[in-house]
N, C-alpha and C. Protein backbone atom coordinates (compact mmCIF):
# COMPACT_ATOMS: atom_id res chain seq x y z
N MET A 1 2.92 -0.60 21.90
CA MET A 1 1.78 0.37 22.14
C MET A 1 0.36 -0.06 21.18
N LEU A 2 -0.69 -0.06 21.70
CA LEU A 2 -1.71 -0.38 20.71
C LEU A 2 -2.45 1.22 21.12
N ILE A 3 -2.85 1.34 19.95
CA ILE A 3 -4.15 2.60 19.82
C ILE A 3 -5.23 2.03 19.09
N HIS A 4 -6.62 2.03 20.12
CA HIS A 4 -7.54 1.16 19.56
C HIS A 4 -8.83 2.33 19.46
N PRO A 5 -9.71 2.85 18.32
CA PRO A 5 -10.25 4.19 18.04
C PRO A 5 -11.65 3.57 18.88
N ARG A 6 -12.25 4.04 19.51
CA ARG A 6 -13.53 3.86 20.08
C ARG A 6 -14.99 3.45 19.47
N GLY A 7 -15.00 3.70 18.19
CA GLY A 7 -15.78 3.92 17.29
C GLY A 7 -15.55 2.64 16.58
N ASP A 8 -14.49 2.08 16.45
CA ASP A 8 -13.90 0.61 15.40
C ASP A 8 -15.61 0.13 15.23
N ASP A 9 -15.56 -0.61 13.89
CA ASP A 9 -16.06 -1.55 13.82
C ASP A 9 -15.47 -2.42 12.83
N VAL A 10 -14.52 -2.79 12.90
CA VAL A 10 -13.69 -3.55 12.37
C VAL A 10 -13.11 -4.88 13.20
N VAL A 11 -12.65 -4.27 14.05
CA VAL A 11 -11.76 -4.93 15.37
C VAL A 11 -12.30 -4.30 16.50
N PRO A 12 -12.49 -5.28 17.25
CA PRO A 12 -13.79 -5.37 18.44
C PRO A 12 -12.60 -4.81 19.59
N MET A 13 -12.72 -3.77 20.58
CA MET A 13 -12.25 -3.32 21.68
C MET A 13 -11.64 -4.42 22.46
N SER A 14 -12.50 -5.56 22.44
CA SER A 14 -11.68 -6.70 23.54
C SER A 14 -10.86 -7.46 22.97
N GLU A 15 -10.49 -7.12 21.43
CA GLU A 15 -9.27 -7.98 21.00
C GLU A 15 -7.99 -7.02 21.42
N SER A 16 -8.14 -5.76 21.41
CA SER A 16 -6.83 -5.10 21.51
C SER A 16 -6.72 -5.36 23.03
N GLU A 17 -7.46 -5.58 23.91
CA GLU A 17 -7.83 -5.44 25.41
C GLU A 17 -7.08 -6.53 25.95
N CYS A 18 -7.44 -7.95 25.42
CA CYS A 18 -6.50 -9.26 25.38
C CYS A 18 -5.26 -9.05 25.02
N LEU A 19 -4.92 -8.14 23.99
CA LEU A 19 -3.99 -8.25 23.11
C LEU A 19 -2.65 -7.76 24.30
N ALA A 20 -3.41 -6.74 24.79
CA ALA A 20 -2.65 -5.97 25.94
C ALA A 20 -2.14 -6.68 27.19
N ALA A 21 -3.12 -7.19 27.96
CA ALA A 21 -3.30 -7.69 28.86
C ALA A 21 -2.40 -8.93 28.62
N ALA A 22 -2.05 -9.71 27.78
CA ALA A 22 -1.18 -10.96 26.91
C ALA A 22 0.50 -10.18 26.86
N ALA A 23 0.24 -9.10 26.36
CA ALA A 23 1.81 -8.30 26.18
C ALA A 23 2.50 -8.19 27.48
N GLY A 24 1.70 -7.41 28.88
CA GLY A 24 2.41 -7.63 29.82
C GLY A 24 2.96 -5.82 29.51
N ASP A 25 3.76 -5.75 30.23
CA ASP A 25 4.28 -4.40 31.04
C ASP A 25 5.95 -4.63 29.51
N PRO A 26 6.00 -3.59 28.87
CA PRO A 26 5.27 -2.28 29.19
C PRO A 26 4.50 -2.07 28.29
N CYS A 27 3.14 -2.69 27.91
CA CYS A 27 2.44 -2.48 26.46
C CYS A 27 1.50 -1.20 27.05
N GLU A 28 1.00 -0.66 26.40
CA GLU A 28 0.22 0.41 26.54
C GLU A 28 -0.70 0.38 25.53
N LEU A 29 -2.03 0.39 26.23
CA LEU A 29 -2.93 0.45 25.17
C LEU A 29 -3.88 1.73 25.41
N HIS A 30 -3.98 2.63 24.26
CA HIS A 30 -4.50 3.78 24.20
C HIS A 30 -5.94 3.96 23.41
N ILE A 31 -7.25 4.23 24.02
CA ILE A 31 -8.35 4.23 23.42
C ILE A 31 -8.74 5.88 23.21
N ILE A 32 -8.65 5.95 21.86
CA ILE A 32 -8.90 7.24 21.21
C ILE A 32 -10.36 7.15 20.57
N ASP A 33 -11.20 8.82 20.83
CA ASP A 33 -12.29 9.07 20.11
C ASP A 33 -12.33 9.30 18.73
N THR A 34 -12.03 8.04 18.37
CA THR A 34 -12.33 8.31 16.58
C THR A 34 -13.44 7.46 16.25
N ASP A 35 -14.41 7.54 14.87
CA ASP A 35 -15.17 7.13 14.73
C ASP A 35 -14.97 5.54 13.98
N ASP A 36 -13.69 5.45 13.41
CA ASP A 36 -13.49 4.13 12.59
C ASP A 36 -12.20 3.50 12.65
N HIS A 37 -11.76 2.58 11.91
CA HIS A 37 -10.92 1.74 12.15
C HIS A 37 -9.83 2.42 11.46
N PHE A 38 -10.19 3.26 10.48
CA PHE A 38 -9.29 3.80 9.03
C PHE A 38 -8.69 5.07 9.57
N SER A 39 -9.01 5.85 10.34
CA SER A 39 -8.90 7.27 10.84
C SER A 39 -7.46 7.34 10.96
N SER A 40 -7.00 8.31 10.07
CA SER A 40 -5.54 8.72 10.62
C SER A 40 -5.65 10.55 10.54
N THR A 41 -6.86 10.78 11.16
CA THR A 41 -6.56 12.26 11.39
C THR A 41 -6.80 13.12 12.67
N ASN A 42 -6.82 12.01 13.26
CA ASN A 42 -7.35 12.35 14.77
C ASN A 42 -5.46 12.93 15.76
N PRO A 43 -5.78 13.95 16.09
CA PRO A 43 -4.29 14.81 16.78
C PRO A 43 -4.12 13.91 17.80
N ALA A 44 -4.30 13.24 18.22
CA ALA A 44 -3.93 12.65 19.44
C ALA A 44 -3.51 11.29 18.78
N LEU A 45 -3.33 10.78 18.13
CA LEU A 45 -2.59 10.04 17.32
C LEU A 45 -1.10 9.94 17.15
N LEU A 46 -1.00 11.76 16.92
CA LEU A 46 0.53 12.01 16.62
C LEU A 46 0.78 11.96 18.13
N ARG A 47 0.27 12.76 18.80
CA ARG A 47 0.88 13.10 20.32
C ARG A 47 1.02 11.36 21.00
N ILE A 48 0.16 10.72 21.02
CA ILE A 48 0.54 9.19 21.49
C ILE A 48 1.77 8.58 20.94
N THR A 49 1.99 8.75 19.53
CA THR A 49 2.98 8.37 18.70
C THR A 49 4.18 8.66 19.41
N LEU A 50 4.22 10.03 19.39
CA LEU A 50 5.46 10.53 19.30
C LEU A 50 6.00 10.56 21.19
N ASP A 51 5.24 10.73 21.82
CA ASP A 51 5.22 10.33 23.29
C ASP A 51 6.19 9.14 23.63
N TRP A 52 5.42 7.62 23.23
CA TRP A 52 5.81 6.53 22.80
C TRP A 52 7.13 6.50 22.69
N LEU A 53 7.62 6.90 21.11
CA LEU A 53 8.95 6.85 21.11
C LEU A 53 9.76 7.86 21.53
N SER A 54 9.58 8.64 21.92
CA SER A 54 10.59 9.72 22.87
C SER A 54 10.76 8.69 24.16
N ARG A 55 9.93 8.12 24.51
CA ARG A 55 10.12 7.25 25.67
C ARG A 55 10.93 5.67 25.66
N TYR A 56 10.61 5.70 24.81
CA TYR A 56 11.11 3.87 24.15
C TYR A 56 12.32 4.16 22.92
N LEU A 57 12.42 4.89 22.31
CA LEU A 57 13.54 5.41 21.31
C LEU A 57 14.40 6.70 21.73
N PRO A 58 14.85 6.73 22.87
CA PRO A 58 15.26 8.52 23.08
C PRO A 58 16.58 8.66 22.21
N SER A 59 16.74 10.01 21.94
CA SER A 59 17.95 10.35 20.77
C SER A 59 19.09 10.24 21.54
C-alpha cells in the first residue's frame, strides 16, 4: 500500500506511481487530498490504513 498526498512537494507523484507499477498486484496506490508530505491529520489516512489492514491481516 502506498499513500501519496496530492500536494506533496518532497516526493514527486511519479515516484509513487512507478513504485506501484513495479510492485504489481496486490499493491494499492491511494492519492489523498492533503497539502504536504508530512501531514497526518487527514481522516482518509486512517480509513485507508484500517481497510487495508482488515483485508490483508484479518483477525
